[in-house]
Amino acid sequence: MQLGIATFGWVGGLLALCLAGGGGASGGEASPARAAAADSSGAHIGLEREGDQLRVQGLFVGAEAASDTLSYALTVRRSGAFGTTQTAQSGDFVPTPSRTDTLSTVRVNVQSGDRLRLRLMIRADGVLIDTARIDHSIS
């Protein structure tokens, strides 16, 4: 599994795999879904496994300064013995300075051996400014 620059953390039973494109520290609330992602600003993907379901969250940690409206696109692809599923969610948002915004939440059924491909892209005026991605096999 290749993750590039990543933050891995177990926080209150939550496994968060976060990839950051930006630097800088961020404050904000420290709920379990956000605590591991709060180490730098930018796009993050949070994961939580609950039995045979995986909760995928597209997260954005805002910089300290206010920002204009951004857009996001979260794609979740699962492939395995029972076929392939793919879902995509997108929309516009205004980042909250120094806070973590939950942009989207997707639940997907998973089985051992399934392969996941998760992508979160953040754009400003149509230009890609940050991305987070996870390629992972379920064990």
C-alpha atoms as a PDB file:
ATOM      1  CA  MET A   1       0.000   0.000   0.000  1.00  0.00           C
ATOM      2  CA  GLN A   2       1.486   3.349  -1.028  1.00  0.00           C
ATOM      3  CA  LEU A   3       0.228   6.409   0.782  1.00  0.00           C
ATOM      4  CA  GLY A   4       2.889   9.046   0.247  1.00  0.00           C
ATOM      5  CA  ILE A   5       2.947  11.608   3.061  1.00  0.00           C
ATOM      6  CA  ALA A   6       0.392  10.347   5.543  1.00  0.00           C
ATOM      7  CA  THR A   7      -0.752  10.624   9.116  1.00  0.00           C
ATOM      8  CA  PHE A   8      -1.993   7.423  10.718  1.00  0.00           C
ATOM      9  CA  GLY A   9      -3.697   7.464  14.071  1.00  0.00           C
ATOM     10  CA  TRP A  10      -5.969   5.459  16.330  1.00  0.00           C
ATOM     11  CA  VAL A  11      -8.180   7.945  18.104  1.00  0.00           C
ATOM     12  CA  GLY A  12     -10.930   6.512  20.287  1.00  0.00           C
ATOM     13  CA  GLY A  13     -11.141   3.385  18.116  1.00  0.00           C
ATOM     14  CA  LEU A  14     -11.139   5.405  14.887  1.00  0.00           C
ATOM     15  CA  LEU A  15      -8.520   4.733  12.262  1.00  0.00           C
ATOM     16  CA  ALA A  16      -7.849   7.926  10.354  1.00  0.00           C
ATOM     17  CA  LEU A  17      -5.672   7.886   7.263  1.00  0.00           C
ATOM     18  CA  CYS A  18      -5.015  11.461   6.279  1.00  0.00           C
ATOM     19  CA  LEU A  19      -3.045  12.897   3.405  1.00  0.00           C
ATOM     20  CA  ALA A  20      -2.242  16.568   3.446  1.00  0.00           C
ATOM     21  CA  GLY A  21      -1.204  18.814   0.611  1.00  0.00           C
ATOM     22  CA  GLY A  22      -0.741  21.968   2.662  1.00  0.00           C
ATOM     23  CA  GLY A  23       1.311  22.956   5.640  1.00  0.00           C
ATOM     24  CA  GLY A  24       0.548  24.927   8.755  1.00  0.00           C
ATOM     25  CA  ALA A  25      -1.084  23.989  12.019  1.00  0.00           C
ATOM     26  CA  SER A  26      -4.777  24.084  12.656  1.00  0.00           C
ATOM     27  CA  GLY A  27      -6.745  24.395  15.858  1.00  0.00           C
ATOM     28  CA  GLY A  28     -10.448  23.654  15.994  1.00  0.00           C
ATOM     29  CA  GLU A  29     -12.445  21.021  17.744  1.00  0.00           C
ATOM     30  CA  ALA A  30     -10.882  17.644  18.497  1.00  0.00           C
ATOM     31  CA  SER A  31     -13.648  15.134  17.888  1.00  0.00           C
ATOM     32  CA  PRO A  32     -12.431  11.572  17.135  1.00  0.00           C
ATOM     33  CA  ALA A  33     -13.072  11.907  13.385  1.00  0.00           C
ATOM     34  CA  ARG A  34     -11.114  15.124  13.258  1.00  0.00           C
ATOM     35  CA  ALA A  35      -8.319  14.758  15.786  1.00  0.00           C
ATOM     36  CA  ALA A  36      -5.912  12.918  13.466  1.00  0.00           C
ATOM     37  CA  ALA A  37      -6.694  15.268  10.586  1.00  0.00           C
ATOM     38  CA  ALA A  38      -6.122  18.454  12.573  1.00  0.00           C
ATOM     39  CA  ASP A  39      -2.329  18.402  12.189  1.00  0.00           C
ATOM     40  CA  SER A  40      -2.226  20.449   8.952  1.00  0.00           C
ATOM     41  CA  SER A  41      -4.524  22.392   6.678  1.00  0.00           C
ATOM     42  CA  GLY A  42      -5.925  20.981   3.459  1.00  0.00           C
ATOM     43  CA  ALA A  43      -7.737  17.897   2.190  1.00  0.00           C
ATOM     44  CA  HIS A  44      -7.969  14.752   4.331  1.00  0.00           C
ATOM     45  CA  ILE A  45      -9.795  11.426   4.174  1.00  0.00           C
ATOM     46  CA  GLY A  46     -11.047   9.899   7.419  1.00  0.00           C
ATOM     47  CA  LEU A  47     -11.958   6.213   7.725  1.00  0.00           C
ATOM     48  CA  GLU A  48     -13.859   4.312  10.378  1.00  0.00           C
ATOM     49  CA  ARG A  49     -14.613   0.591  10.158  1.00  0.00           C
ATOM     50  CA  GLU A  50     -17.811  -0.619  11.803  1.00  0.00           C
ATOM     51  CA  GLY A  51     -18.102  -4.374  11.207  1.00  0.00           C
ATOM     52  CA  ASP A  52     -18.629  -4.910   7.491  1.00  0.00           C
ATOM     53  CA  GLN A  53     -19.132  -1.195   6.789  1.00  0.00           C
ATOM     54  CA  LEU A  54     -16.547   1.487   6.229  1.00  0.00           C
ATOM     55  CA  ARG A  55     -17.398   5.128   6.838  1.00  0.00           C
ATOM     56  CA  VAL A  56     -15.415   7.418   4.535  1.00  0.00           C
ATOM     57  CA  GLN A  57     -15.321  11.150   5.252  1.00  0.00           C
ATOM     58  CA  GLY A  58     -14.004  13.893   3.020  1.00  0.00           C
ATOM     59  CA  LEU A  59     -12.545  16.505   5.364  1.00  0.00           C
ATOM     60  CA  PHE A  60     -11.016  19.921   4.853  1.00  0.00           C
ATOM     61  CA  VAL A  61      -8.954  21.642   7.525  1.00  0.00           C
ATOM     62  CA  GLY A  62      -9.154  25.392   6.979  1.00  0.00           C
ATOM     63  CA  ALA A  63      -6.124  27.624   7.214  1.00  0.00           C
ATOM     64  CA  GLU A  64      -6.097  30.413   9.785  1.00  0.00           C
ATOM     65  CA  ALA A  65      -7.098  33.019   7.195  1.00  0.00           C
ATOM     66  CA  ALA A  66     -10.575  33.182   5.679  1.00  0.00           C
ATOM     67  CA  SER A  67     -10.960  31.697   2.214  1.00  0.00           C
ATOM     68  CA  ASP A  68     -13.299  32.046  -0.742  1.00  0.00           C
ATOM     69  CA  THR A  69     -15.751  29.389  -1.851  1.00  0.00           C
ATOM     70  CA  LEU A  70     -14.070  26.127  -2.835  1.00  0.00           C
ATOM     71  CA  SER A  71     -15.450  22.971  -4.452  1.00  0.00           C
ATOM     72  CA  TYR A  72     -14.796  19.334  -3.613  1.00  0.00           C
ATOM     73  CA  ALA A  73     -15.230  15.962  -5.277  1.00  0.00           C
ATOM     74  CA  LEU A  74     -15.008  12.738  -3.265  1.00  0.00           C
ATOM     75  CA  THR A  75     -14.893   9.426  -5.145  1.00  0.00           C
ATOM     76  CA  VAL A  76     -15.046   6.043  -3.448  1.00  0.00           C
ATOM     77  CA  ARG A  77     -14.376   2.876  -5.444  1.00  0.00           C
ATOM     78  CA  ARG A  78     -14.545  -0.628  -3.940  1.00  0.00           C
ATOM     79  CA  SER A  79     -13.718  -3.730  -5.931  1.00  0.00           C
ATOM     80  CA  GLY A  80     -13.669  -7.325  -4.775  1.00  0.00           C
ATOM     81  CA  ALA A  81     -15.136 -10.793  -5.110  1.00  0.00           C
ATOM     82  CA  PHE A  82     -18.697  -9.416  -5.238  1.00  0.00           C
ATOM     83  CA  GLY A  83     -18.058  -6.857  -7.976  1.00  0.00           C
ATOM     84  CA  THR A  84     -17.241  -3.188  -8.109  1.00  0.00           C
ATOM     85  CA  THR A  85     -19.091  -0.191  -6.724  1.00  0.00           C
ATOM     86  CA  GLN A  86     -18.276   3.457  -7.192  1.00  0.00           C
ATOM     87  CA  THR A  87     -19.857   6.563  -5.789  1.00  0.00           C
ATOM     88  CA  ALA A  88     -19.027  10.231  -6.165  1.00  0.00           C
ATOM     89  CA  GLN A  89     -20.170  13.256  -4.225  1.00  0.00           C
ATOM     90  CA  SER A  90     -19.318  16.872  -4.930  1.00  0.00           C
ATOM     91  CA  GLY A  91     -20.310  20.364  -3.969  1.00  0.00           C
ATOM     92  CA  ASP A  92     -19.233  23.842  -2.956  1.00  0.00           C
ATOM     93  CA  PHE A  93     -18.219  25.010   0.517  1.00  0.00           C
ATOM     94  CA  VAL A  94     -16.669  27.954   2.314  1.00  0.00           C
ATOM     95  CA  PRO A  95     -13.866  26.740   4.613  1.00  0.00           C
ATOM     96  CA  THR A  96     -14.112  27.625   8.274  1.00  0.00           C
ATOM     97  CA  PRO A  97     -10.808  29.200   9.370  1.00  0.00           C
ATOM     98  CA  SER A  98      -8.816  26.991  11.782  1.00  0.00           C
ATOM     99  CA  ARG A  99     -11.535  24.307  11.828  1.00  0.00           C
ATOM    100  CA  THR A 100     -12.212  20.967  10.181  1.00  0.00           C
ATOM    101  CA  ASP A 101     -15.204  20.869   7.830  1.00  0.00           C
ATOM    102  CA  THR A 102     -16.833  17.529   7.008  1.00  0.00           C
ATOM    103  CA  LEU A 103     -17.583  17.825   3.299  1.00  0.00           C
ATOM    104  CA  SER A 104     -19.090  14.409   2.664  1.00  0.00           C
ATOM    105  CA  THR A 105     -19.732  11.078   4.381  1.00  0.00           C
ATOM    106  CA  VAL A 106     -20.099   7.809   2.456  1.00  0.00           C
ATOM    107  CA  ARG A 107     -20.697   4.315   3.830  1.00  0.00           C
ATOM    108  CA  VAL A 108     -19.559   1.313   1.845  1.00  0.00           C
ATOM    109  CA  ASN A 109     -19.867  -2.405   2.597  1.00  0.00           C
ATOM    110  CA  VAL A 110     -16.474  -4.129   2.664  1.00  0.00           C
ATOM    111  CA  GLN A 111     -15.198  -7.704   2.862  1.00  0.00           C
ATOM    112  CA  SER A 112     -11.740  -9.079   3.454  1.00  0.00           C
ATOM    113  CA  GLY A 113      -9.770  -8.853   0.208  1.00  0.00           C
ATOM    114  CA  ASP A 114     -11.670  -5.840  -1.152  1.00  0.00           C
ATOM    115  CA  ARG A 115      -9.584  -3.084  -2.706  1.00  0.00           C
ATOM    116  CA  LEU A 116     -10.441   0.580  -2.032  1.00  0.00           C
ATOM    117  CA  ARG A 117      -9.499   3.642  -4.029  1.00  0.00           C
ATOM    118  CA  LEU A 118     -10.478   6.911  -2.356  1.00  0.00           C
ATOM    119  CA  ARG A 119      -9.914  10.393  -3.791  1.00  0.00           C
ATOM    120  CA  LEU A 120     -10.761  13.851  -2.480  1.00  0.00           C
ATOM    121  CA  MET A 121     -10.036  16.797  -4.755  1.00  0.00           C
ATOM    122  CA  ILE A 122     -10.360  20.446  -3.729  1.00  0.00           C
ATOM    123  CA  ARG A 123     -10.643  23.190  -6.353  1.00  0.00           C
ATOM    124  CA  ALA A 124     -10.701  26.993  -6.316  1.00  0.00           C
ATOM    125  CA  ASP A 125     -12.271  28.541  -9.416  1.00  0.00           C
ATOM    126  CA  GLY A 126     -11.911  25.187 -11.219  1.00  0.00           C
ATOM    127  CA  VAL A 127      -8.181  24.879 -10.468  1.00  0.00           C
ATOM    128  CA  LEU A 128      -7.027  21.887  -8.396  1.00  0.00           C
ATOM    129  CA  ILE A 129      -5.437  23.221  -5.196  1.00  0.00           C
ATOM    130  CA  ASP A 130      -5.257  20.103  -3.002  1.00  0.00           C
ATOM    131  CA  THR A 131      -5.909  16.394  -3.098  1.00  0.00           C
ATOM    132  CA  ALA A 132      -5.957  13.440  -0.730  1.00  0.00           C
ATOM    133  CA  ARG A 133      -5.903   9.821  -1.843  1.00  0.00           C
ATOM    134  CA  ILE A 134      -5.847   6.394  -0.300  1.00  0.00           C
ATOM    135  CA  ASP A 135      -5.372   3.049  -2.031  1.00  0.00           C
ATOM    136  CA  HIS A 136      -6.000   0.280   0.480  1.00  0.00           C
ATOM    137  CA  SER A 137      -6.785  -3.443   0.711  1.00  0.00           C
ATOM    138  CA  ILE A 138      -9.233  -4.616   3.371  1.00  0.00           C
ATOM    139  CA  SER A 139      -7.856  -7.352   5.612  1.00  0.00           C
END
